[in-house]
Amino acid sequence: MPDALPPPELTTARLILRPLRLDDADAIQRLFAQWEVVRYLADRVPWPYPPNGARDYVEHIALPAVRRGRQWHWSIRTLAEPERLIGMISLMDDEPGNNRGFWLDPACQGRGYMTEASAAVTAYWFGVLDKPVLRAPKAAANTASRRISERSGMRMIATEERGYVSGRHMSEVWEITREEWLARRPAT
């Protein structure tokens, strides 16, 4: 089977979402290894974050999954500073119940960037990939992530305990179906 094409670059009113590349690893390493970024990520993320963690992740996990056509990863950048990586957002179709994940530099949080990025990749999930449902688990204590799900029309469908970098926490599983997403789209 031939390698899948990387996802396209996506733009929003304020952001550029560039397909993940190996040369993003250094910027990811500088930003990602912060407690504020990793504490509510799945416990498969190593902590303390190793010095080569981002390069290993990009080269051996993320990009191979993109080539298999099972994951789609973008770096997040602002239109004002397109060369400065400020976070990542991903879509995954290889782990049931976990289709979208993201992180953002704490210095850039609270500006609506992740809401904007999430809307763009959700449109890609439903509009281009034609998936029937998008699910996103999150730590119940991660109120900022919950607000993004609420604003995008997702609904909580389950709670369960999961492991995170910061330990075991109650989790919420949020969902939106393609039909629900389409019903929220403005008429064209």
C-alpha atoms as a PDB file:
ATOM      1  CA  MET A   1       0.000   0.000   0.000  1.00  0.00           C
ATOM      2  CA  PRO A   2       1.493   3.397  -0.951  1.00  0.00           C
ATOM      3  CA  ASP A   3       2.059   6.061   1.685  1.00  0.00           C
ATOM      4  CA  ALA A   4      -0.873   8.389   2.323  1.00  0.00           C
ATOM      5  CA  LEU A   5      -0.421  12.040   1.486  1.00  0.00           C
ATOM      6  CA  PRO A   6       0.162  14.427   4.382  1.00  0.00           C
ATOM      7  CA  PRO A   7      -2.795  16.617   5.281  1.00  0.00           C
ATOM      8  CA  PRO A   8      -3.060  20.003   3.573  1.00  0.00           C
ATOM      9  CA  GLU A   9      -2.167  23.282   5.198  1.00  0.00           C
ATOM     10  CA  LEU A  10      -5.263  24.796   6.806  1.00  0.00           C
ATOM     11  CA  THR A  11      -5.817  28.475   7.521  1.00  0.00           C
ATOM     12  CA  THR A  12      -8.267  30.254   9.793  1.00  0.00           C
ATOM     13  CA  ALA A  13      -8.861  33.932  10.498  1.00  0.00           C
ATOM     14  CA  ARG A  14      -5.715  34.090  12.676  1.00  0.00           C
ATOM     15  CA  LEU A  15      -3.875  30.799  12.277  1.00  0.00           C
ATOM     16  CA  ILE A  16      -1.922  28.614   9.898  1.00  0.00           C
ATOM     17  CA  LEU A  17      -2.069  24.894  10.573  1.00  0.00           C
ATOM     18  CA  ARG A  18       0.920  23.378   8.798  1.00  0.00           C
ATOM     19  CA  PRO A  19       1.320  19.646   8.300  1.00  0.00           C
ATOM     20  CA  LEU A  20       3.781  18.321  10.853  1.00  0.00           C
ATOM     21  CA  ARG A  21       7.378  17.957   9.627  1.00  0.00           C
ATOM     22  CA  LEU A  22      10.472  16.478  11.204  1.00  0.00           C
ATOM     23  CA  ASP A  23      12.089  19.917  11.362  1.00  0.00           C
ATOM     24  CA  ASP A  24       9.301  20.988  13.775  1.00  0.00           C
ATOM     25  CA  ALA A  25      10.806  18.724  16.453  1.00  0.00           C
ATOM     26  CA  ASP A  26      13.180  21.315  17.956  1.00  0.00           C
ATOM     27  CA  ALA A  27      10.405  23.888  18.462  1.00  0.00           C
ATOM     28  CA  ILE A  28       8.096  21.197  19.855  1.00  0.00           C
ATOM     29  CA  GLN A  29      10.807  20.086  22.285  1.00  0.00           C
ATOM     30  CA  ARG A  30      11.260  23.661  23.593  1.00  0.00           C
ATOM     31  CA  LEU A  31       7.525  24.211  24.196  1.00  0.00           C
ATOM     32  CA  PHE A  32       6.187  20.774  25.043  1.00  0.00           C
ATOM     33  CA  ALA A  33       8.389  19.974  28.039  1.00  0.00           C
ATOM     34  CA  GLN A  34       6.297  22.158  30.382  1.00  0.00           C
ATOM     35  CA  TRP A  35       4.079  20.809  33.141  1.00  0.00           C
ATOM     36  CA  GLU A  36       1.237  23.126  32.075  1.00  0.00           C
ATOM     37  CA  VAL A  37       1.303  21.476  28.621  1.00  0.00           C
ATOM     38  CA  VAL A  38       1.623  17.809  29.579  1.00  0.00           C
ATOM     39  CA  ARG A  39      -0.193  17.364  32.892  1.00  0.00           C
ATOM     40  CA  TYR A  40      -3.542  16.416  31.291  1.00  0.00           C
ATOM     41  CA  LEU A  41      -2.104  14.416  28.399  1.00  0.00           C
ATOM     42  CA  ALA A  42      -2.309  10.617  28.324  1.00  0.00           C
ATOM     43  CA  ASP A  43       0.168   8.849  30.582  1.00  0.00           C
ATOM     44  CA  ARG A  44       1.961   7.342  27.581  1.00  0.00           C
ATOM     45  CA  VAL A  45       3.735  10.719  27.288  1.00  0.00           C
ATOM     46  CA  PRO A  46       7.036  10.271  29.150  1.00  0.00           C
ATOM     47  CA  TRP A  47       7.662  12.608  32.084  1.00  0.00           C
ATOM     48  CA  PRO A  48      10.104  14.083  32.776  1.00  0.00           C
ATOM     49  CA  TYR A  49      10.168  14.656  29.037  1.00  0.00           C
ATOM     50  CA  PRO A  50      13.387  13.269  27.565  1.00  0.00           C
ATOM     51  CA  PRO A  51      15.771  15.554  25.638  1.00  0.00           C
ATOM     52  CA  ASN A  52      15.003  13.698  22.380  1.00  0.00           C
ATOM     53  CA  GLY A  53      11.291  13.184  23.117  1.00  0.00           C
ATOM     54  CA  ALA A  54       9.871  15.424  20.392  1.00  0.00           C
ATOM     55  CA  ARG A  55      12.155  14.113  17.669  1.00  0.00           C
ATOM     56  CA  ASP A  56      11.389  10.506  18.599  1.00  0.00           C
ATOM     57  CA  TYR A  57       7.655  11.232  18.635  1.00  0.00           C
ATOM     58  CA  VAL A  58       7.603  13.058  15.304  1.00  0.00           C
ATOM     59  CA  GLU A  59       9.957  10.653  13.507  1.00  0.00           C
ATOM     60  CA  HIS A  60       8.827   7.307  14.921  1.00  0.00           C
ATOM     61  CA  ILE A  61       5.168   7.778  15.894  1.00  0.00           C
ATOM     62  CA  ALA A  62       3.417  10.766  14.286  1.00  0.00           C
ATOM     63  CA  LEU A  63       4.865  10.808  10.760  1.00  0.00           C
ATOM     64  CA  PRO A  64       4.616   7.014  10.268  1.00  0.00           C
ATOM     65  CA  ALA A  65       0.933   7.203  11.347  1.00  0.00           C
ATOM     66  CA  VAL A  66       0.395  10.014   8.804  1.00  0.00           C
ATOM     67  CA  ARG A  67       1.980   7.879   6.081  1.00  0.00           C
ATOM     68  CA  ARG A  68      -0.363   5.018   7.028  1.00  0.00           C
ATOM     69  CA  GLY A  69      -3.343   7.372   6.645  1.00  0.00           C
ATOM     70  CA  ARG A  70      -4.419   6.847  10.288  1.00  0.00           C
ATOM     71  CA  GLN A  71      -3.416  10.195  11.817  1.00  0.00           C
ATOM     72  CA  TRP A  72      -3.202  13.821  10.695  1.00  0.00           C
ATOM     73  CA  HIS A  73      -0.959  16.254  12.590  1.00  0.00           C
ATOM     74  CA  TRP A  74      -0.526  19.999  12.223  1.00  0.00           C
ATOM     75  CA  SER A  75       1.706  22.548  13.878  1.00  0.00           C
ATOM     76  CA  ILE A  76      -0.163  25.669  14.968  1.00  0.00           C
ATOM     77  CA  ARG A  77       1.219  29.081  13.994  1.00  0.00           C
ATOM     78  CA  THR A  78      -0.266  32.553  13.912  1.00  0.00           C
ATOM     79  CA  LEU A  79      -0.650  34.464  10.656  1.00  0.00           C
ATOM     80  CA  ALA A  80       1.281  37.295  12.324  1.00  0.00           C
ATOM     81  CA  GLU A  81       4.259  34.979  13.071  1.00  0.00           C
ATOM     82  CA  PRO A  82       4.031  32.061  10.624  1.00  0.00           C
ATOM     83  CA  GLU A  83       7.522  30.744  11.418  1.00  0.00           C
ATOM     84  CA  ARG A  84       6.829  30.437  15.164  1.00  0.00           C
ATOM     85  CA  LEU A  85       5.265  27.130  16.241  1.00  0.00           C
ATOM     86  CA  ILE A  86       2.928  27.675  19.214  1.00  0.00           C
ATOM     87  CA  GLY A  87       1.306  24.245  19.507  1.00  0.00           C
ATOM     88  CA  MET A  88       0.005  21.151  17.776  1.00  0.00           C
ATOM     89  CA  ILE A  89      -3.346  19.675  16.905  1.00  0.00           C
ATOM     90  CA  SER A  90      -3.995  16.138  15.713  1.00  0.00           C
ATOM     91  CA  LEU A  91      -6.717  13.885  14.392  1.00  0.00           C
ATOM     92  CA  MET A  92      -6.453  10.151  15.001  1.00  0.00           C
ATOM     93  CA  ASP A  93      -8.391   7.283  13.469  1.00  0.00           C
ATOM     94  CA  ASP A  94      -6.444   4.428  15.025  1.00  0.00           C
ATOM     95  CA  GLU A  95      -7.649   4.523  18.627  1.00  0.00           C
ATOM     96  CA  PRO A  96     -11.405   4.149  19.163  1.00  0.00           C
ATOM     97  CA  GLY A  97     -12.876   6.992  21.205  1.00  0.00           C
ATOM     98  CA  ASN A  98      -9.856   9.294  20.851  1.00  0.00           C
ATOM     99  CA  ASN A  99     -10.012  11.232  17.596  1.00  0.00           C
ATOM    100  CA  ARG A 100      -8.659  14.692  18.422  1.00  0.00           C
ATOM    101  CA  GLY A 101      -5.875  15.959  20.630  1.00  0.00           C
ATOM    102  CA  PHE A 102      -4.019  19.230  21.028  1.00  0.00           C
ATOM    103  CA  TRP A 103      -1.667  21.307  23.110  1.00  0.00           C
ATOM    104  CA  LEU A 104      -0.733  24.982  23.097  1.00  0.00           C
ATOM    105  CA  ASP A 105       2.133  27.014  24.523  1.00  0.00           C
ATOM    106  CA  PRO A 106       0.829  28.375  27.860  1.00  0.00           C
ATOM    107  CA  ALA A 107       1.985  31.858  26.798  1.00  0.00           C
ATOM    108  CA  CYS A 108      -0.566  31.691  23.949  1.00  0.00           C
ATOM    109  CA  GLN A 109      -3.520  30.254  25.872  1.00  0.00           C
ATOM    110  CA  GLY A 110      -6.686  32.209  26.583  1.00  0.00           C
ATOM    111  CA  ARG A 111      -6.833  33.885  23.152  1.00  0.00           C
ATOM    112  CA  GLY A 112      -9.211  31.486  21.393  1.00  0.00           C
ATOM    113  CA  TYR A 113      -6.490  29.969  19.209  1.00  0.00           C
ATOM    114  CA  MET A 114      -7.337  26.376  20.107  1.00  0.00           C
ATOM    115  CA  THR A 115     -11.048  26.918  19.530  1.00  0.00           C
ATOM    116  CA  GLU A 116     -10.161  28.198  16.048  1.00  0.00           C
ATOM    117  CA  ALA A 117      -7.732  25.350  15.333  1.00  0.00           C
ATOM    118  CA  SER A 118     -10.218  22.755  16.606  1.00  0.00           C
ATOM    119  CA  ALA A 119     -12.947  24.095  14.325  1.00  0.00           C
ATOM    120  CA  ALA A 120     -10.627  23.828  11.309  1.00  0.00           C
ATOM    121  CA  VAL A 121      -9.527  20.240  11.952  1.00  0.00           C
ATOM    122  CA  THR A 122     -13.055  19.160  12.871  1.00  0.00           C
ATOM    123  CA  ALA A 123     -14.196  20.499   9.490  1.00  0.00           C
ATOM    124  CA  TYR A 124     -11.408  18.433   7.900  1.00  0.00           C
ATOM    125  CA  TRP A 125     -12.494  15.317   9.872  1.00  0.00           C
ATOM    126  CA  PHE A 126     -16.091  15.545   8.740  1.00  0.00           C
ATOM    127  CA  GLY A 127     -15.855  17.452   5.458  1.00  0.00           C
ATOM    128  CA  VAL A 128     -12.778  15.866   3.860  1.00  0.00           C
ATOM    129  CA  LEU A 129     -12.272  12.559   5.663  1.00  0.00           C
ATOM    130  CA  ASP A 130     -16.062  12.002   5.857  1.00  0.00           C
ATOM    131  CA  LYS A 131     -15.938  10.434   9.315  1.00  0.00           C
ATOM    132  CA  PRO A 132     -19.252   9.723  11.093  1.00  0.00           C
ATOM    133  CA  VAL A 133     -18.309  10.808  14.634  1.00  0.00           C
ATOM    134  CA  LEU A 134     -15.539  12.644  16.482  1.00  0.00           C
ATOM    135  CA  ARG A 135     -14.754  11.750  20.091  1.00  0.00           C
ATOM    136  CA  ALA A 136     -12.325  13.472  22.421  1.00  0.00           C
ATOM    137  CA  PRO A 137     -11.552  12.275  25.943  1.00  0.00           C
ATOM    138  CA  LYS A 138     -10.212  14.762  28.466  1.00  0.00           C
ATOM    139  CA  ALA A 139      -9.462  14.999  32.142  1.00  0.00           C
ATOM    140  CA  ALA A 140     -12.524  16.355  33.937  1.00  0.00           C
ATOM    141  CA  ALA A 141     -10.243  18.884  35.647  1.00  0.00           C
ATOM    142  CA  ASN A 142      -9.163  20.297  32.269  1.00  0.00           C
ATOM    143  CA  THR A 143     -11.807  23.019  32.166  1.00  0.00           C
ATOM    144  CA  ALA A 144     -10.209  24.931  29.268  1.00  0.00           C
ATOM    145  CA  SER A 145     -10.417  21.855  27.043  1.00  0.00           C
ATOM    146  CA  ARG A 146     -13.993  21.221  28.177  1.00  0.00           C
ATOM    147  CA  ARG A 147     -14.978  24.774  27.141  1.00  0.00           C
ATOM    148  CA  ILE A 148     -13.577  24.162  23.657  1.00  0.00           C
ATOM    149  CA  SER A 149     -15.740  21.044  23.337  1.00  0.00           C
ATOM    150  CA  GLU A 150     -18.823  22.834  24.644  1.00  0.00           C
ATOM    151  CA  ARG A 151     -18.385  25.797  22.271  1.00  0.00           C
ATOM    152  CA  SER A 152     -18.003  23.456  19.309  1.00  0.00           C
ATOM    153  CA  GLY A 153     -21.308  21.682  19.968  1.00  0.00           C
ATOM    154  CA  MET A 154     -19.882  18.500  21.442  1.00  0.00           C
ATOM    155  CA  ARG A 155     -21.686  16.698  24.244  1.00  0.00           C
ATOM    156  CA  MET A 156     -20.329  14.587  27.055  1.00  0.00           C
ATOM    157  CA  ILE A 157     -21.302  10.943  26.547  1.00  0.00           C
ATOM    158  CA  ALA A 158     -19.337   9.131  29.251  1.00  0.00           C
ATOM    159  CA  THR A 159     -17.118   9.462  32.274  1.00  0.00           C
ATOM    160  CA  GLU A 160     -14.388   7.055  33.283  1.00  0.00           C
ATOM    161  CA  GLU A 161     -11.068   7.023  35.054  1.00  0.00           C
ATOM    162  CA  ARG A 162      -7.943   7.318  32.890  1.00  0.00           C
ATOM    163  CA  GLY A 163      -4.225   7.723  33.347  1.00  0.00           C
ATOM    164  CA  TYR A 164      -2.621  11.096  32.650  1.00  0.00           C
ATOM    165  CA  VAL A 165       0.907  12.403  33.056  1.00  0.00           C
ATOM    166  CA  SER A 166      -0.273  13.932  36.362  1.00  0.00           C
ATOM    167  CA  GLY A 167      -1.850  10.650  37.571  1.00  0.00           C
ATOM    168  CA  ARG A 168      -5.253   8.930  37.474  1.00  0.00           C
ATOM    169  CA  HIS A 169      -8.172  11.315  36.963  1.00  0.00           C
ATOM    170  CA  MET A 170     -11.836  11.189  36.150  1.00  0.00           C
ATOM    171  CA  SER A 171     -12.217  11.692  32.419  1.00  0.00           C
ATOM    172  CA  GLU A 172     -15.016  12.911  30.232  1.00  0.00           C
ATOM    173  CA  VAL A 173     -15.568  11.591  26.724  1.00  0.00           C
ATOM    174  CA  TRP A 174     -17.007  14.265  24.424  1.00  0.00           C
ATOM    175  CA  GLU A 175     -18.636  13.554  21.067  1.00  0.00           C
ATOM    176  CA  ILE A 176     -20.148  15.228  18.046  1.00  0.00           C
ATOM    177  CA  THR A 177     -21.617  13.362  15.077  1.00  0.00           C
ATOM    178  CA  ARG A 178     -21.246  14.419  11.472  1.00  0.00           C
ATOM    179  CA  GLU A 179     -24.976  15.217  11.360  1.00  0.00           C
ATOM    180  CA  GLU A 180     -24.714  17.405  14.473  1.00  0.00           C
ATOM    181  CA  TRP A 181     -21.690  19.182  13.019  1.00  0.00           C
ATOM    182  CA  LEU A 182     -23.455  19.765   9.690  1.00  0.00           C
ATOM    183  CA  ALA A 183     -26.518  21.167  11.477  1.00  0.00           C
ATOM    184  CA  ARG A 184     -24.272  23.781  13.168  1.00  0.00           C
ATOM    185  CA  ARG A 185     -22.722  24.949   9.894  1.00  0.00           C
ATOM    186  CA  PRO A 186     -24.068  28.164   8.400  1.00  0.00           C
ATOM    187  CA  ALA A 187     -26.159  27.720   5.255  1.00  0.00           C
ATOM    188  CA  THR A 188     -24.245  28.518   2.063  1.00  0.00           C
END
